[in-house]
Amino acid sequence: MARVTVHYWAAARHAAGVPEERQDAETLAHLLATVAKRHPGTLAELLTRCAFLVDDLPVGHRDHADVTLTDGAVVEVLPPFAGG
């Protein structure tokens, strides 16, 4: 189990009620399930539309269950942004 830091941006920060937190998880899918349970409601729904960076690298369309997290990793939660 890896201890990771989750950074929430924009609407995700508002929905989580915190700018960041530390969580234990093995994969990105496990992490997202954990934070959705910890912050039920708006954040859980918003996570389905977010993009993610793990240690500054985009996750893209990879299956979140295949994204292994390492101890000390930083996961950025990026909600959809408006504008252009």
N, C-alpha and C. Protein backbone atom coordinates (compact mmCIF):
# COMPACT_ATOMS: atom_id res chain seq x y z
N MET A 1 0.86 -1.18 0.00
CA MET A 1 0.00 0.00 0.00
C MET A 1 0.90 1.24 0.00
N ALA A 2 0.63 2.15 -0.90
CA ALA A 2 1.42 3.37 -1.00
C ALA A 2 0.70 4.53 -0.31
N ARG A 3 1.47 5.39 0.30
CA ARG A 3 0.93 6.62 0.90
C ARG A 3 1.15 7.72 -0.14
N VAL A 4 0.05 8.33 -0.63
CA VAL A 4 0.14 9.33 -1.69
C VAL A 4 -0.51 10.64 -1.24
N THR A 5 -0.13 11.70 -1.91
CA THR A 5 -0.75 13.01 -1.68
C THR A 5 -1.68 13.30 -2.84
N VAL A 6 -2.90 13.70 -2.53
CA VAL A 6 -3.89 14.05 -3.54
C VAL A 6 -4.07 15.56 -3.51
N HIS A 7 -3.86 16.21 -4.66
CA HIS A 7 -4.10 17.65 -4.80
C HIS A 7 -5.39 17.83 -5.59
N TYR A 8 -6.31 18.57 -5.03
CA TYR A 8 -7.58 18.86 -5.70
C TYR A 8 -7.52 20.27 -6.28
N TRP A 9 -7.99 20.43 -7.52
CA TRP A 9 -7.98 21.73 -8.17
C TRP A 9 -9.40 22.18 -8.50
N ALA A 10 -9.62 23.49 -8.44
CA ALA A 10 -10.87 24.15 -8.85
C ALA A 10 -12.09 23.49 -8.21
N ALA A 11 -13.04 23.02 -9.02
CA ALA A 11 -14.29 22.47 -8.50
C ALA A 11 -14.05 21.23 -7.64
N ALA A 12 -13.00 20.47 -7.93
CA ALA A 12 -12.69 19.30 -7.11
C ALA A 12 -12.28 19.73 -5.70
N ARG A 13 -11.53 20.81 -5.61
CA ARG A 13 -11.13 21.34 -4.30
C ARG A 13 -12.37 21.76 -3.51
N HIS A 14 -13.27 22.43 -4.19
CA HIS A 14 -14.50 22.88 -3.53
C HIS A 14 -15.33 21.67 -3.07
N ALA A 15 -15.46 20.66 -3.92
CA ALA A 15 -16.26 19.49 -3.58
C ALA A 15 -15.64 18.68 -2.45
N ALA A 16 -14.31 18.59 -2.42
CA ALA A 16 -13.63 17.83 -1.36
C ALA A 16 -13.61 18.61 -0.04
N GLY A 17 -13.62 19.93 -0.15
CA GLY A 17 -13.56 20.76 1.06
C GLY A 17 -12.16 20.93 1.60
N VAL A 18 -11.17 20.41 0.88
CA VAL A 18 -9.76 20.54 1.27
C VAL A 18 -8.92 20.69 -0.01
N PRO A 19 -7.80 21.40 0.06
CA PRO A 19 -6.95 21.52 -1.12
C PRO A 19 -6.12 20.27 -1.40
N GLU A 20 -5.82 19.52 -0.36
CA GLU A 20 -5.05 18.29 -0.53
C GLU A 20 -5.24 17.40 0.68
N GLU A 21 -4.90 16.13 0.50
CA GLU A 21 -4.94 15.18 1.61
C GLU A 21 -4.03 14.01 1.27
N ARG A 22 -3.71 13.24 2.28
CA ARG A 22 -2.90 12.03 2.09
C ARG A 22 -3.79 10.81 2.26
N GLN A 23 -3.57 9.84 1.40
CA GLN A 23 -4.36 8.61 1.42
C GLN A 23 -3.45 7.43 1.14
N ASP A 24 -3.89 6.25 1.55
CA ASP A 24 -3.21 5.01 1.22
C ASP A 24 -3.98 4.32 0.11
N ALA A 25 -3.27 3.89 -0.95
CA ALA A 25 -3.91 3.20 -2.06
C ALA A 25 -2.86 2.46 -2.88
N GLU A 26 -3.30 1.41 -3.53
CA GLU A 26 -2.40 0.63 -4.39
C GLU A 26 -2.45 1.10 -5.84
N THR A 27 -3.66 1.49 -6.29
CA THR A 27 -3.85 1.93 -7.67
C THR A 27 -4.65 3.22 -7.69
N LEU A 28 -4.69 3.86 -8.84
CA LEU A 28 -5.50 5.07 -8.97
C LEU A 28 -6.97 4.74 -8.76
N ALA A 29 -7.44 3.61 -9.26
CA ALA A 29 -8.84 3.21 -9.06
C ALA A 29 -9.15 3.06 -7.57
N HIS A 30 -8.24 2.44 -6.83
CA HIS A 30 -8.42 2.27 -5.39
C HIS A 30 -8.46 3.63 -4.70
N LEU A 31 -7.57 4.52 -5.09
CA LEU A 31 -7.53 5.87 -4.51
C LEU A 31 -8.83 6.61 -4.77
N LEU A 32 -9.32 6.56 -6.00
CA LEU A 32 -10.55 7.29 -6.34
C LEU A 32 -11.75 6.74 -5.59
N ALA A 33 -11.81 5.45 -5.42
CA ALA A 33 -12.90 4.85 -4.63
C ALA A 33 -12.82 5.31 -3.18
N THR A 34 -11.61 5.39 -2.65
CA THR A 34 -11.41 5.80 -1.26
C THR A 34 -11.83 7.25 -1.05
N VAL A 35 -11.40 8.16 -1.93
CA VAL A 35 -11.74 9.57 -1.73
C VAL A 35 -13.22 9.83 -2.03
N ALA A 36 -13.80 9.08 -2.97
CA ALA A 36 -15.23 9.23 -3.23
C ALA A 36 -16.05 8.82 -2.01
N LYS A 37 -15.61 7.79 -1.33
CA LYS A 37 -16.30 7.34 -0.12
C LYS A 37 -16.09 8.34 1.02
N ARG A 38 -14.90 8.89 1.08
CA ARG A 38 -14.57 9.85 2.14
C ARG A 38 -15.32 11.18 1.97
N HIS A 39 -15.55 11.55 0.70
CA HIS A 39 -16.24 12.81 0.38
C HIS A 39 -17.44 12.51 -0.52
N PRO A 40 -18.50 11.92 0.04
CA PRO A 40 -19.65 11.54 -0.79
C PRO A 40 -20.36 12.76 -1.37
N GLY A 41 -21.09 12.51 -2.42
CA GLY A 41 -21.87 13.59 -3.02
C GLY A 41 -21.20 14.13 -4.27
N THR A 42 -21.00 15.43 -4.30
CA THR A 42 -20.50 16.12 -5.48
C THR A 42 -19.15 15.61 -5.95
N LEU A 43 -18.22 15.36 -5.04
CA LEU A 43 -16.90 14.92 -5.46
C LEU A 43 -16.96 13.56 -6.14
N ALA A 44 -17.72 12.64 -5.60
CA ALA A 44 -17.81 11.30 -6.19
C ALA A 44 -18.27 11.39 -7.65
N GLU A 45 -19.25 12.22 -7.94
CA GLU A 45 -19.74 12.38 -9.30
C GLU A 45 -18.72 13.11 -10.16
N LEU A 46 -18.10 14.12 -9.62
CA LEU A 46 -17.12 14.92 -10.36
C LEU A 46 -15.91 14.09 -10.78
N LEU A 47 -15.50 13.16 -9.95
CA LEU A 47 -14.33 12.33 -10.26
C LEU A 47 -14.49 11.56 -11.56
N THR A 48 -15.73 11.26 -11.94
CA THR A 48 -15.96 10.52 -13.19
C THR A 48 -15.63 11.36 -14.42
N ARG A 49 -15.51 12.69 -14.24
CA ARG A 49 -15.24 13.59 -15.37
C ARG A 49 -13.87 14.24 -15.29
N CYS A 50 -13.09 13.92 -14.28
CA CYS A 50 -11.79 14.57 -14.07
C CYS A 50 -10.68 13.91 -14.88
N ALA A 51 -9.64 14.69 -15.11
CA ALA A 51 -8.37 14.17 -15.63
C ALA A 51 -7.43 14.05 -14.43
N PHE A 52 -6.42 13.19 -14.57
CA PHE A 52 -5.51 12.94 -13.46
C PHE A 52 -4.07 12.95 -13.94
N LEU A 53 -3.21 13.50 -13.09
CA LEU A 53 -1.77 13.41 -13.28
C LEU A 53 -1.22 12.63 -12.10
N VAL A 54 -0.29 11.74 -12.37
CA VAL A 54 0.42 11.04 -11.30
C VAL A 54 1.88 11.38 -11.46
N ASP A 55 2.42 12.08 -10.46
CA ASP A 55 3.80 12.56 -10.53
C ASP A 55 4.06 13.34 -11.82
N ASP A 56 3.13 14.25 -12.13
CA ASP A 56 3.20 15.16 -13.28
C ASP A 56 3.02 14.48 -14.64
N LEU A 57 2.69 13.20 -14.67
CA LEU A 57 2.46 12.50 -15.94
C LEU A 57 0.97 12.24 -16.12
N PRO A 58 0.40 12.61 -17.28
CA PRO A 58 -1.03 12.40 -17.49
C PRO A 58 -1.40 10.92 -17.54
N VAL A 59 -2.51 10.59 -16.91
CA VAL A 59 -3.02 9.23 -16.92
C VAL A 59 -3.68 8.93 -18.27
N GLY A 60 -4.32 9.94 -18.84
CA GLY A 60 -4.97 9.77 -20.13
C GLY A 60 -6.12 8.77 -20.04
N HIS A 61 -6.21 7.90 -21.04
CA HIS A 61 -7.32 6.95 -21.12
C HIS A 61 -6.98 5.58 -20.52
N ARG A 62 -5.84 5.49 -19.84
CA ARG A 62 -5.49 4.20 -19.21
C ARG A 62 -6.52 3.81 -18.16
N ASP A 63 -6.74 2.53 -18.03
CA ASP A 63 -7.63 2.01 -17.00
C ASP A 63 -7.03 2.38 -15.64
N HIS A 64 -7.80 3.01 -14.80
CA HIS A 64 -7.30 3.46 -13.50
C HIS A 64 -6.83 2.31 -12.62
N ALA A 65 -7.37 1.12 -12.84
CA ALA A 65 -6.93 -0.05 -12.08
C ALA A 65 -5.52 -0.48 -12.48
N ASP A 66 -5.07 -0.05 -13.66
CA ASP A 66 -3.73 -0.39 -14.14
C ASP A 66 -2.67 0.64 -13.78
N VAL A 67 -3.09 1.74 -13.14
CA VAL A 67 -2.15 2.80 -12.76
C VAL A 67 -1.72 2.55 -11.32
N THR A 68 -0.56 1.94 -11.17
CA THR A 68 -0.02 1.60 -9.85
C THR A 68 0.58 2.85 -9.21
N LEU A 69 0.28 3.04 -7.93
CA LEU A 69 0.81 4.18 -7.19
C LEU A 69 1.99 3.73 -6.33
N THR A 70 2.97 4.60 -6.21
CA THR A 70 4.13 4.31 -5.38
C THR A 70 4.14 5.23 -4.17
N ASP A 71 4.82 4.81 -3.14
CA ASP A 71 4.89 5.61 -1.92
C ASP A 71 5.46 6.99 -2.24
N GLY A 72 4.76 8.03 -1.79
CA GLY A 72 5.20 9.40 -2.02
C GLY A 72 4.69 10.01 -3.30
N ALA A 73 3.92 9.27 -4.08
CA ALA A 73 3.39 9.80 -5.34
C ALA A 73 2.46 10.98 -5.07
N VAL A 74 2.34 11.85 -6.07
CA VAL A 74 1.42 12.98 -6.01
C VAL A 74 0.41 12.81 -7.13
N VAL A 75 -0.87 12.81 -6.76
CA VAL A 75 -1.96 12.68 -7.72
C VAL A 75 -2.69 14.01 -7.80
N GLU A 76 -2.74 14.58 -9.00
CA GLU A 76 -3.45 15.84 -9.23
C GLU A 76 -4.83 15.51 -9.79
N VAL A 77 -5.87 16.07 -9.20
CA VAL A 77 -7.24 15.86 -9.66
C VAL A 77 -7.68 17.14 -10.36
N LEU A 78 -7.86 17.03 -11.69
CA LEU A 78 -8.15 18.19 -12.53
C LEU A 78 -9.55 18.08 -13.12
N PRO A 79 -10.50 18.86 -12.60
CA PRO A 79 -11.86 18.82 -13.15
C PRO A 79 -11.88 19.47 -14.53
N PRO A 80 -12.95 19.26 -15.29
CA PRO A 80 -13.06 19.91 -16.59
C PRO A 80 -13.02 21.44 -16.40
N PHE A 81 -12.30 22.10 -17.27
CA PHE A 81 -12.19 23.55 -17.20
C PHE A 81 -12.96 24.17 -18.35
N ALA A 82 -13.59 25.30 -18.11
CA ALA A 82 -14.30 26.03 -19.17
C ALA A 82 -13.34 27.07 -19.76
N GLY A 83 -13.70 27.54 -20.90
CA GLY A 83 -12.89 28.58 -21.53
C GLY A 83 -12.01 28.02 -22.62
N GLY A 84 -11.08 28.83 -23.08
CA GLY A 84 -10.23 28.33 -24.14
C GLY A 84 -9.22 29.31 -24.60
